[in-house]
N, C-alpha and C. Protein backbone atom coordinates (compact mmCIF):
# COMPACT_ATOMS: atom_id res chain seq x y z
N UNK A 1 0.84 -1.18 0.00
CA UNK A 1 0.00 0.00 0.00
C UNK A 1 0.88 1.23 0.00
N UNK A 2 0.48 2.18 -0.80
CA UNK A 2 1.15 3.47 -0.83
C UNK A 2 0.06 4.54 -0.83
N UNK A 3 0.06 5.39 0.20
CA UNK A 3 -0.95 6.43 0.23
C UNK A 3 -1.23 6.95 1.62
N UNK A 4 -2.38 7.60 1.74
CA UNK A 4 -2.76 8.25 2.99
C UNK A 4 -3.23 7.24 4.04
N UNK A 5 -2.91 7.57 5.28
CA UNK A 5 -3.36 6.78 6.43
C UNK A 5 -3.99 7.73 7.44
N UNK A 6 -4.97 7.22 8.15
CA UNK A 6 -5.58 7.96 9.26
C UNK A 6 -5.67 6.99 10.43
N UNK A 7 -5.00 7.31 11.50
CA UNK A 7 -4.95 6.42 12.67
C UNK A 7 -4.46 5.02 12.30
N UNK A 8 -3.52 4.95 11.37
CA UNK A 8 -2.91 3.68 10.99
C UNK A 8 -3.70 2.83 10.00
N UNK A 9 -4.82 3.35 9.47
CA UNK A 9 -5.58 2.60 8.47
C UNK A 9 -5.70 3.41 7.18
N UNK A 10 -5.95 2.70 6.09
CA UNK A 10 -6.05 3.36 4.79
C UNK A 10 -7.27 4.27 4.76
N UNK A 11 -7.03 5.54 4.51
CA UNK A 11 -8.08 6.55 4.37
C UNK A 11 -7.53 7.68 3.53
N UNK A 12 -8.30 8.12 2.54
CA UNK A 12 -7.83 9.15 1.62
C UNK A 12 -7.47 8.53 0.29
N UNK A 13 -6.43 9.04 -0.36
CA UNK A 13 -5.99 8.53 -1.65
C UNK A 13 -4.87 7.53 -1.47
N UNK A 14 -4.91 6.45 -2.27
CA UNK A 14 -3.83 5.49 -2.17
C UNK A 14 -3.94 4.40 -3.22
N UNK A 15 -2.90 3.57 -3.28
CA UNK A 15 -2.89 2.44 -4.22
C UNK A 15 -2.41 1.19 -3.49
N UNK A 16 -2.95 0.07 -3.93
CA UNK A 16 -2.62 -1.22 -3.32
C UNK A 16 -2.46 -2.24 -4.44
N UNK A 17 -1.43 -3.08 -4.30
CA UNK A 17 -1.22 -4.15 -5.28
C UNK A 17 -1.14 -5.48 -4.54
N UNK A 18 -2.01 -6.42 -4.97
CA UNK A 18 -2.01 -7.76 -4.40
C UNK A 18 -0.88 -8.58 -5.03
N UNK A 19 -0.49 -9.65 -4.39
CA UNK A 19 0.56 -10.54 -4.93
C UNK A 19 0.19 -11.10 -6.29
N UNK A 20 -1.11 -11.22 -6.55
CA UNK A 20 -1.60 -11.76 -7.82
C UNK A 20 -1.38 -10.81 -8.99
N UNK A 21 -1.05 -9.55 -8.68
CA UNK A 21 -0.89 -8.54 -9.72
C UNK A 21 -2.11 -7.64 -9.86
N UNK A 22 -3.17 -7.95 -9.16
CA UNK A 22 -4.36 -7.11 -9.14
C UNK A 22 -4.00 -5.79 -8.45
N UNK A 23 -4.51 -4.66 -8.99
CA UNK A 23 -4.16 -3.36 -8.45
C UNK A 23 -5.40 -2.49 -8.27
N UNK A 24 -5.37 -1.66 -7.25
CA UNK A 24 -6.41 -0.66 -7.02
C UNK A 24 -5.74 0.68 -6.77
N UNK A 25 -6.25 1.70 -7.43
CA UNK A 25 -5.80 3.07 -7.20
C UNK A 25 -7.03 3.93 -7.03
N UNK A 26 -7.09 4.67 -5.92
CA UNK A 26 -8.24 5.53 -5.72
C UNK A 26 -8.43 5.91 -4.27
N UNK A 27 -9.68 6.13 -3.92
CA UNK A 27 -10.02 6.60 -2.59
C UNK A 27 -10.32 5.44 -1.64
N UNK A 28 -9.94 5.66 -0.39
CA UNK A 28 -10.17 4.70 0.69
C UNK A 28 -10.87 5.40 1.84
N UNK A 29 -11.65 4.64 2.59
CA UNK A 29 -12.25 5.14 3.83
C UNK A 29 -12.34 3.97 4.80
N UNK A 30 -11.79 4.16 5.98
CA UNK A 30 -11.83 3.13 7.02
C UNK A 30 -11.33 1.78 6.53
N UNK A 31 -10.21 1.80 5.78
CA UNK A 31 -9.53 0.59 5.30
C UNK A 31 -10.30 -0.15 4.20
N UNK A 32 -11.29 0.51 3.56
CA UNK A 32 -12.04 -0.09 2.47
C UNK A 32 -12.00 0.84 1.26
N UNK A 33 -12.10 0.24 0.07
CA UNK A 33 -12.21 1.05 -1.14
C UNK A 33 -13.55 1.76 -1.08
N UNK A 34 -13.52 3.08 -1.17
CA UNK A 34 -14.75 3.86 -1.00
C UNK A 34 -14.53 5.22 -1.66
N UNK A 35 -15.39 5.55 -2.63
CA UNK A 35 -15.23 6.79 -3.40
C UNK A 35 -15.02 6.43 -4.85
N UNK A 36 -14.09 7.09 -5.50
CA UNK A 36 -13.79 6.84 -6.91
C UNK A 36 -12.45 6.12 -7.01
N UNK A 37 -12.41 5.08 -7.86
CA UNK A 37 -11.16 4.36 -8.02
C UNK A 37 -11.16 3.45 -9.22
N UNK A 38 -9.98 2.92 -9.51
CA UNK A 38 -9.77 2.02 -10.64
C UNK A 38 -9.12 0.73 -10.14
N UNK A 39 -9.70 -0.39 -10.54
CA UNK A 39 -9.10 -1.68 -10.23
C UNK A 39 -8.76 -2.37 -11.54
N UNK A 40 -7.57 -2.95 -11.61
CA UNK A 40 -7.14 -3.69 -12.80
C UNK A 40 -6.69 -5.08 -12.38
N UNK A 41 -6.90 -6.06 -13.27
CA UNK A 41 -6.53 -7.44 -13.02
C UNK A 41 -5.47 -7.85 -14.04
N UNK A 42 -4.63 -8.81 -13.70
CA UNK A 42 -3.57 -9.27 -14.62
C UNK A 42 -4.09 -9.80 -15.95
N UNK A 43 -5.33 -10.31 -15.98
CA UNK A 43 -5.86 -10.85 -17.24
C UNK A 43 -6.43 -9.78 -18.17
N UNK A 44 -6.35 -8.49 -17.77
CA UNK A 44 -6.79 -7.41 -18.64
C UNK A 44 -8.12 -6.78 -18.26
N UNK A 45 -8.83 -7.34 -17.29
CA UNK A 45 -10.09 -6.73 -16.86
C UNK A 45 -9.80 -5.42 -16.12
N UNK A 46 -10.80 -4.51 -16.16
CA UNK A 46 -10.63 -3.22 -15.50
C UNK A 46 -11.98 -2.67 -15.08
N UNK A 47 -12.01 -2.06 -13.90
CA UNK A 47 -13.20 -1.35 -13.44
C UNK A 47 -12.78 0.05 -13.05
N UNK A 48 -13.50 1.04 -13.55
CA UNK A 48 -13.31 2.42 -13.13
C UNK A 48 -14.66 2.98 -12.72
N UNK A 49 -14.73 3.53 -11.54
CA UNK A 49 -15.99 4.12 -11.12
C UNK A 49 -16.07 4.30 -9.63
N UNK A 50 -17.30 4.29 -9.16
CA UNK A 50 -17.58 4.54 -7.76
C UNK A 50 -17.57 3.25 -6.94
N UNK A 51 -17.13 3.38 -5.70
CA UNK A 51 -17.05 2.27 -4.76
C UNK A 51 -17.77 2.66 -3.48
N UNK A 52 -18.30 1.67 -2.80
CA UNK A 52 -18.89 1.87 -1.48
C UNK A 52 -18.59 0.64 -0.65
N UNK A 53 -17.96 0.83 0.48
CA UNK A 53 -17.66 -0.25 1.42
C UNK A 53 -17.02 -1.46 0.72
N UNK A 54 -16.01 -1.20 -0.09
CA UNK A 54 -15.18 -2.23 -0.74
C UNK A 54 -15.85 -2.95 -1.92
N UNK A 55 -16.96 -2.41 -2.44
CA UNK A 55 -17.67 -3.03 -3.57
C UNK A 55 -17.96 -1.99 -4.65
N UNK A 56 -18.08 -2.46 -5.90
CA UNK A 56 -18.54 -1.58 -6.97
C UNK A 56 -19.91 -1.05 -6.55
N UNK A 57 -20.10 0.25 -6.58
CA UNK A 57 -21.40 0.80 -6.19
C UNK A 57 -21.53 2.21 -6.76
N UNK A 58 -22.52 2.41 -7.62
CA UNK A 58 -22.73 3.69 -8.26
C UNK A 58 -22.36 3.60 -9.73
N UNK A 59 -22.05 4.73 -10.33
CA UNK A 59 -21.71 4.77 -11.75
C UNK A 59 -20.31 4.22 -11.99
N UNK A 60 -20.19 3.38 -13.02
CA UNK A 60 -18.88 2.82 -13.32
C UNK A 60 -18.82 2.18 -14.68
N UNK A 61 -17.61 1.81 -15.06
CA UNK A 61 -17.35 1.13 -16.33
C UNK A 61 -16.52 -0.11 -16.05
N UNK A 62 -17.02 -1.27 -16.47
CA UNK A 62 -16.30 -2.53 -16.31
C UNK A 62 -15.93 -3.01 -17.70
N UNK A 63 -14.65 -3.29 -17.91
CA UNK A 63 -14.15 -3.77 -19.19
C UNK A 63 -13.59 -5.17 -19.01
N UNK A 64 -14.10 -6.12 -19.80
CA UNK A 64 -13.60 -7.49 -19.77
C UNK A 64 -12.32 -7.60 -20.59
N UNK A 65 -11.57 -8.66 -20.38
CA UNK A 65 -10.31 -8.87 -21.08
C UNK A 65 -10.49 -8.95 -22.59
N UNK A 66 -11.65 -9.43 -23.05
CA UNK A 66 -11.89 -9.55 -24.49
C UNK A 66 -12.40 -8.26 -25.14
N UNK A 67 -12.51 -7.18 -24.33
CA UNK A 67 -12.90 -5.89 -24.88
C UNK A 67 -14.36 -5.49 -24.65
N UNK A 68 -15.20 -6.42 -24.20
CA UNK A 68 -16.59 -6.07 -23.91
C UNK A 68 -16.62 -5.04 -22.79
N UNK A 69 -17.54 -4.08 -22.89
CA UNK A 69 -17.63 -2.99 -21.92
C UNK A 69 -19.06 -2.85 -21.42
N UNK A 70 -19.20 -2.68 -20.11
CA UNK A 70 -20.49 -2.33 -19.52
C UNK A 70 -20.31 -0.98 -18.83
N UNK A 71 -21.18 -0.02 -19.19
CA UNK A 71 -21.21 1.27 -18.50
C UNK A 71 -22.59 1.42 -17.89
N UNK A 72 -22.62 1.73 -16.60
CA UNK A 72 -23.91 1.87 -15.96
C UNK A 72 -23.79 1.98 -14.46
N UNK A 73 -24.86 1.57 -13.81
CA UNK A 73 -24.94 1.68 -12.35
C UNK A 73 -24.75 0.30 -11.72
N UNK A 74 -23.87 0.25 -10.74
CA UNK A 74 -23.59 -0.97 -9.99
C UNK A 74 -24.20 -0.82 -8.60
N UNK A 75 -24.65 -1.92 -8.05
CA UNK A 75 -25.21 -1.94 -6.69
C UNK A 75 -24.58 -3.11 -5.94
N UNK A 76 -23.51 -2.82 -5.19
CA UNK A 76 -22.74 -3.85 -4.48
C UNK A 76 -22.35 -4.98 -5.39
């Protein structure tokens, strides 16, 4: 993790990379992805949009590895 901390937990702007190569860059609140951010996977998938309590939530764009794209509203 590289980014802002509040009382020792992720809060504010930051990026995190899992051992698998999956990456998240964006906003955090109380150690969860929350706000606007981008997640990418090693196989080429990508999500950019709004997050709430560590889940896709709100307006966003999900792109599959084969190029298919969904733009719309996500609910957890």
